[in-house]
PDB file of N, CA and C in Angstrom:
ATOM      1  N   MET A   1      88.647 136.684 156.886  1.00  0.00           N
ATOM      2  CA  MET A   1      88.956 136.523 155.478  1.00  0.00           C
ATOM      3  C   MET A   1      89.079 135.041 155.111  1.00  0.00           C
ATOM      4  N   ALA A   2      89.666 134.248 156.013  1.00  0.00           N
ATOM      5  CA  ALA A   2      89.810 132.820 155.757  1.00  0.00           C
ATOM      6  C   ALA A   2      88.443 132.164 155.691  1.00  0.00           C
ATOM      7  N   GLN A   3      87.521 132.649 156.522  1.00  0.00           N
ATOM      8  CA  GLN A   3      86.166 132.091 156.488  1.00  0.00           C
ATOM      9  C   GLN A   3      85.487 132.386 155.158  1.00  0.00           C
ATOM     10  N   THR A   4      85.697 133.566 154.639  1.00  0.00           N
ATOM     11  CA  THR A   4      85.109 133.942 153.351  1.00  0.00           C
ATOM     12  C   THR A   4      85.662 133.053 152.241  1.00  0.00           C
ATOM     13  N   ALA A   5      86.948 132.791 152.280  1.00  0.00           N
ATOM     14  CA  ALA A   5      87.563 131.936 151.266  1.00  0.00           C
ATOM     15  C   ALA A   5      87.014 130.518 151.362  1.00  0.00           C
ATOM     16  N   ARG A   6      86.847 130.016 152.595  1.00  0.00           N
ATOM     17  CA  ARG A   6      86.291 128.672 152.770  1.00  0.00           C
ATOM     18  C   ARG A   6      84.845 128.620 152.302  1.00  0.00           C
ATOM     19  N   LYS A   7      84.093 129.676 152.605  1.00  0.00           N
ATOM     20  CA  LYS A   7      82.692 129.717 152.177  1.00  0.00           C
ATOM     21  C   LYS A   7      82.601 129.748 150.658  1.00  0.00           C
ATOM     22  N   ASN A   8      83.441 130.554 150.020  1.00  0.00           N
ATOM     23  CA  ASN A   8      83.456 130.616 148.559  1.00  0.00           C
ATOM     24  C   ASN A   8      83.835 129.266 147.960  1.00  0.00           C
ATOM     25  N   LYS A   9      84.813 128.594 148.550  1.00  0.00           N
ATOM     26  CA  LYS A   9      85.240 127.285 148.069  1.00  0.00           C
ATOM     27  C   LYS A   9      84.083 126.287 148.228  1.00  0.00           C
ATOM     28  N   ARG A  10      83.424 126.312 149.382  1.00  0.00           N
ATOM     29  CA  ARG A  10      82.300 125.420 149.634  1.00  0.00           C
ATOM     30  C   ARG A  10      81.174 125.709 148.650  1.00  0.00           C
ATOM     31  N   ASP A  11      80.880 126.966 148.414  1.00  0.00           N
ATOM     32  CA  ASP A  11      79.846 127.339 147.449  1.00  0.00           C
ATOM     33  C   ASP A  11      80.193 126.866 146.048  1.00  0.00           C
ATOM     34  N   ASP A  12      81.463 126.955 145.695  1.00  0.00           N
ATOM     35  CA  ASP A  12      81.909 126.484 144.377  1.00  0.00           C
ATOM     36  C   ASP A  12      81.712 124.974 144.241  1.00  0.00           C
ATOM     37  N   VAL A  13      82.032 124.237 145.298  1.00  0.00           N
ATOM     38  CA  VAL A  13      81.862 122.786 145.274  1.00  0.00           C
ATOM     39  C   VAL A  13      80.376 122.437 145.149  1.00  0.00           C
ATOM     40  N   ILE A  14      79.536 123.130 145.893  1.00  0.00           N
ATOM     41  CA  ILE A  14      78.084 122.895 145.815  1.00  0.00           C
ATOM     42  C   ILE A  14      77.582 123.215 144.417  1.00  0.00           C
ATOM     43  N   ASP A  15      78.005 124.339 143.865  1.00  0.00           N
ATOM     44  CA  ASP A  15      77.600 124.724 142.503  1.00  0.00           C
ATOM     45  C   ASP A  15      77.987 123.659 141.489  1.00  0.00           C
ATOM     46  N   GLU A  16      79.205 123.178 141.566  1.00  0.00           N
ATOM     47  CA  GLU A  16      79.674 122.163 140.624  1.00  0.00           C
ATOM     48  C   GLU A  16      78.872 120.873 140.761  1.00  0.00           C
ATOM     49  N   ASN A  17      78.592 120.470 141.996  1.00  0.00           N
ATOM     50  CA  ASN A  17      77.812 119.251 142.204  1.00  0.00           C
ATOM     51  C   ASN A  17      76.390 119.400 141.683  1.00  0.00           C
ATOM     52  N   LEU A  18      75.785 120.540 141.907  1.00  0.00           N
ATOM     53  CA  LEU A  18      74.431 120.770 141.401  1.00  0.00           C
ATOM     54  C   LEU A  18      74.412 120.776 139.879  1.00  0.00           C
ATOM     55  N   LYS A  19      75.394 121.398 139.275  1.00  0.00           N
ATOM     56  CA  LYS A  19      75.487 121.411 137.813  1.00  0.00           C
ATOM     57  C   LYS A  19      75.652 119.997 137.270  1.00  0.00           C
ATOM     58  N   ARG A  20      76.467 119.191 137.941  1.00  0.00           N
ATOM     59  CA  ARG A  20      76.707 117.823 137.498  1.00  0.00           C
ATOM     60  C   ARG A  20      75.409 117.005 137.576  1.00  0.00           C
ATOM     61  N   VAL A  21      74.685 117.135 138.670  1.00  0.00           N
ATOM     62  CA  VAL A  21      73.420 116.413 138.829  1.00  0.00           C
ATOM     63  C   VAL A  21      72.417 116.870 137.774  1.00  0.00           C
ATOM     64  N   TYR A  22      72.341 118.164 137.537  1.00  0.00           N
ATOM     65  CA  TYR A  22      71.424 118.705 136.531  1.00  0.00           C
ATOM     66  C   TYR A  22      71.768 118.164 135.142  1.00  0.00           C
ATOM     67  N   GLU A  23      73.027 118.164 134.796  1.00  0.00           N
ATOM     68  CA  GLU A  23      73.454 117.648 133.500  1.00  0.00           C
ATOM     69  C   GLU A  23      73.128 116.161 133.364  1.00  0.00           C
ATOM     70  N   ASP A  24      73.336 115.417 134.436  1.00  0.00           N
ATOM     71  CA  ASP A  24      72.992 113.990 134.407  1.00  0.00           C
ATOM     72  C   ASP A  24      71.502 113.784 134.179  1.00  0.00           C
ATOM     73  N   MET A  25      70.687 114.618 134.797  1.00  0.00           N
ATOM     74  CA  MET A  25      69.235 114.504 134.623  1.00  0.00           C
ATOM     75  C   MET A  25      68.834 114.824 133.182  1.00  0.00           C
ATOM     76  N   LEU A  26      69.482 115.788 132.572  1.00  0.00           N
ATOM     77  CA  LEU A  26      69.168 116.142 131.194  1.00  0.00           C
ATOM     78  C   LEU A  26      69.511 115.023 130.228  1.00  0.00           C
ATOM     79  N   ASP A  27      70.523 114.231 130.574  1.00  0.00           N
ATOM     80  CA  ASP A  27      70.964 113.148 129.703  1.00  0.00           C
ATOM     81  C   ASP A  27      70.068 111.915 129.795  1.00  0.00           C
ATOM     82  N   GLN A  28      69.225 111.853 130.826  1.00  0.00           N
ATOM     83  CA  GLN A  28      68.364 110.680 130.993  1.00  0.00           C
ATOM     84  C   GLN A  28      67.183 110.741 130.028  1.00  0.00           C
ATOM     85  N   ASP A  29      66.751 109.571 129.608  1.00  0.00           N
ATOM     86  CA  ASP A  29      65.588 109.475 128.738  1.00  0.00           C
ATOM     87  C   ASP A  29      64.310 109.735 129.541  1.00  0.00           C
ATOM     88  N   VAL A  30      63.298 110.181 128.832  1.00  0.00           N
ATOM     89  CA  VAL A  30      61.990 110.367 129.465  1.00  0.00           C
ATOM     90  C   VAL A  30      61.423 108.974 129.736  1.00  0.00           C
ATOM     91  N   PRO A  31      60.911 108.736 130.954  1.00  0.00           N
ATOM     92  CA  PRO A  31      60.357 107.412 131.259  1.00  0.00           C
ATOM     93  C   PRO A  31      59.208 107.052 130.311  1.00  0.00           C
ATOM     94  N   ASP A  32      59.115 105.764 129.985  1.00  0.00           N
ATOM     95  CA  ASP A  32      58.077 105.283 129.073  1.00  0.00           C
ATOM     96  C   ASP A  32      56.685 105.659 129.548  1.00  0.00           C
ATOM     97  N   ARG A  33      56.464 105.641 130.838  1.00  0.00           N
ATOM     98  CA  ARG A  33      55.138 105.978 131.383  1.00  0.00           C
ATOM     99  C   ARG A  33      54.751 107.408 130.987  1.00  0.00           C
ATOM    100  N   PHE A  34      55.690 108.327 131.068  1.00  0.00           N
ATOM    101  CA  PHE A  34      55.401 109.710 130.682  1.00  0.00           C
ATOM    102  C   PHE A  34      55.147 109.829 129.185  1.00  0.00           C
ATOM    103  N   LEU A  35      55.918 109.094 128.403  1.00  0.00           N
ATOM    104  CA  LEU A  35      55.706 109.124 126.958  1.00  0.00           C
ATOM    105  C   LEU A  35      54.321 108.575 126.611  1.00  0.00           C
ATOM    106  N   ASP A  36      53.904 107.518 127.312  1.00  0.00           N
ATOM    107  CA  ASP A  36      52.568 106.964 127.093  1.00  0.00           C
ATOM    108  C   ASP A  36      51.488 107.985 127.442  1.00  0.00           C
ATOM    109  N   LEU A  37      51.672 108.686 128.547  1.00  0.00           N
ATOM    110  CA  LEU A  37      50.699 109.703 128.954  1.00  0.00           C
ATOM    111  C   LEU A  37      50.636 110.847 127.941  1.00  0.00           C
ATOM    112  N   LEU A  38      51.783 111.262 127.440  1.00  0.00           N
ATOM    113  CA  LEU A  38      51.802 112.319 126.426  1.00  0.00           C
ATOM    114  C   LEU A  38      51.083 111.879 125.159  1.00  0.00           C
ATOM    115  N   THR A  39      51.283 110.639 124.775  1.00  0.00           N
ATOM    116  CA  THR A  39      50.602 110.108 123.597  1.00  0.00           C
ATOM    117  C   THR A  39      49.093 110.105 123.812  1.00  0.00           C
ATOM    118  N   GLN A  40      48.663 109.688 124.990  1.00  0.00           N
ATOM    119  CA  GLN A  40      47.226 109.680 125.299  1.00  0.00           C
ATOM    120  C   GLN A  40      46.643 111.087 125.240  1.00  0.00           C
ATOM    121  N   LEU A  41      47.362 112.046 125.789  1.00  0.00           N
ATOM    122  CA  LEU A  41      46.882 113.433 125.771  1.00  0.00           C
ATOM    123  C   LEU A  41      46.800 113.975 124.350  1.00  0.00           C
ATOM    124  N   LYS A  42      47.790 113.676 123.536  1.00  0.00           N
ATOM    125  CA  LYS A  42      47.767 114.121 122.143  1.00  0.00           C
ATOM    126  C   LYS A  42      46.605 113.491 121.391  1.00  0.00           C
ATOM    127  N   ASP A  43      46.360 112.197 121.650  1.00  0.00           N
ATOM    128  CA  ASP A  43      45.249 111.512 120.998  1.00  0.00           C
ATOM    129  C   ASP A  43      43.911 112.126 121.402  1.00  0.00           C
ATOM    130  N   GLN A  44      43.766 112.439 122.696  1.00  0.00           N
ATOM    131  CA  GLN A  44      42.529 113.060 123.171  1.00  0.00           C
ATOM    132  C   GLN A  44      42.340 114.439 122.544  1.00  0.00           C
ATOM    133  N   ASP A  45      43.420 115.195 122.469  1.00  0.00           N
ATOM    134  CA  ASP A  45      43.350 116.531 121.884  1.00  0.00           C
ATOM    135  C   ASP A  45      42.965 116.452 120.412  1.00  0.00           C
ATOM    136  N   GLN A  46      43.565 115.503 119.711  1.00  0.00           N
ATOM    137  CA  GLN A  46      43.258 115.331 118.290  1.00  0.00           C
ATOM    138  C   GLN A  46      41.792 114.908 118.114  1.00  0.00           C
ATOM    139  N   ALA A  47      41.299 114.033 118.974  1.00  0.00           N
ATOM    140  CA  ALA A  47      39.906 113.589 118.890  1.00  0.00           C
ATOM    141  C   ALA A  47      38.956 114.751 119.138  1.00  0.00           C
ATOM    142  N   LYS A  48      39.292 115.625 120.062  1.00  0.00           N
ATOM    143  CA  LYS A  48      38.443 116.805 120.339  1.00  0.00           C
ATOM    144  C   LYS A  48      38.436 117.738 119.135  1.00  0.00           C
ATOM    145  N   LYS A  49      39.600 117.937 118.525  1.00  0.00           N
ATOM    146  CA  LYS A  49      39.673 118.814 117.358  1.00  0.00           C
ATOM    147  C   LYS A  49      38.861 118.230 116.200  1.00  0.00           C
ATOM    148  N   THR A  50      38.978 116.939 116.021  1.00  0.00           N
ATOM    149  CA  THR A  50      38.261 116.275 114.932  1.00  0.00           C
ATOM    150  C   THR A  50      36.746 116.356 115.145  1.00  0.00           C
ATOM    151  N   SER A  51      36.301 116.136 116.385  1.00  0.00           N
ATOM    152  CA  SER A  51      34.859 116.176 116.643  1.00  0.00           C
ATOM    153  C   SER A  51      34.321 117.610 116.557  1.00  0.00           C
ATOM    154  N   SER A  52      35.105 118.596 116.945  1.00  0.00           N
ATOM    155  CA  SER A  52      34.631 119.982 116.853  1.00  0.00           C
ATOM    156  C   SER A  52      34.599 120.448 115.394  1.00  0.00           C
ATOM    157  N   GLU A  53      35.502 119.936 114.570  1.00  0.00           N
ATOM    158  CA  GLU A  53      35.496 120.300 113.147  1.00  0.00           C
ATOM    159  C   GLU A  53      34.304 119.659 112.445  1.00  0.00           C
ATOM    160  N   SER A  54      33.907 118.464 112.854  1.00  0.00           N
ATOM    161  CA  SER A  54      32.779 117.794 112.219  1.00  0.00           C
ATOM    162  C   SER A  54      31.450 118.436 112.648  1.00  0.00           C
ATOM    163  N   ASP A  55      31.448 119.133 113.791  1.00  0.00           N
ATOM    164  CA  ASP A  55      30.241 119.828 114.259  1.00  0.00           C
ATOM    165  C   ASP A  55      29.967 121.091 113.457  1.00  0.00           C
ATOM    166  N   GLU A  56      30.986 121.603 112.804  1.00  0.00           N
ATOM    167  CA  GLU A  56      30.840 122.873 112.076  1.00  0.00           C
ATOM    168  C   GLU A  56      30.132 122.725 110.796  1.00  0.00           C
TER     169      GLU A  56
END
């Protein structure tokens, strides 16, 4: 029974630490490199839509 209590306590500590790390990651800004890549992809997508509309 003592082992079960220790395991539950250890699991609780691990859960709390994982939640804390996850929350910290959510609070971080998206790196500029990723934002630049997203902008490039959106621009390419828009260019494809524009060229396909002009073909019609």
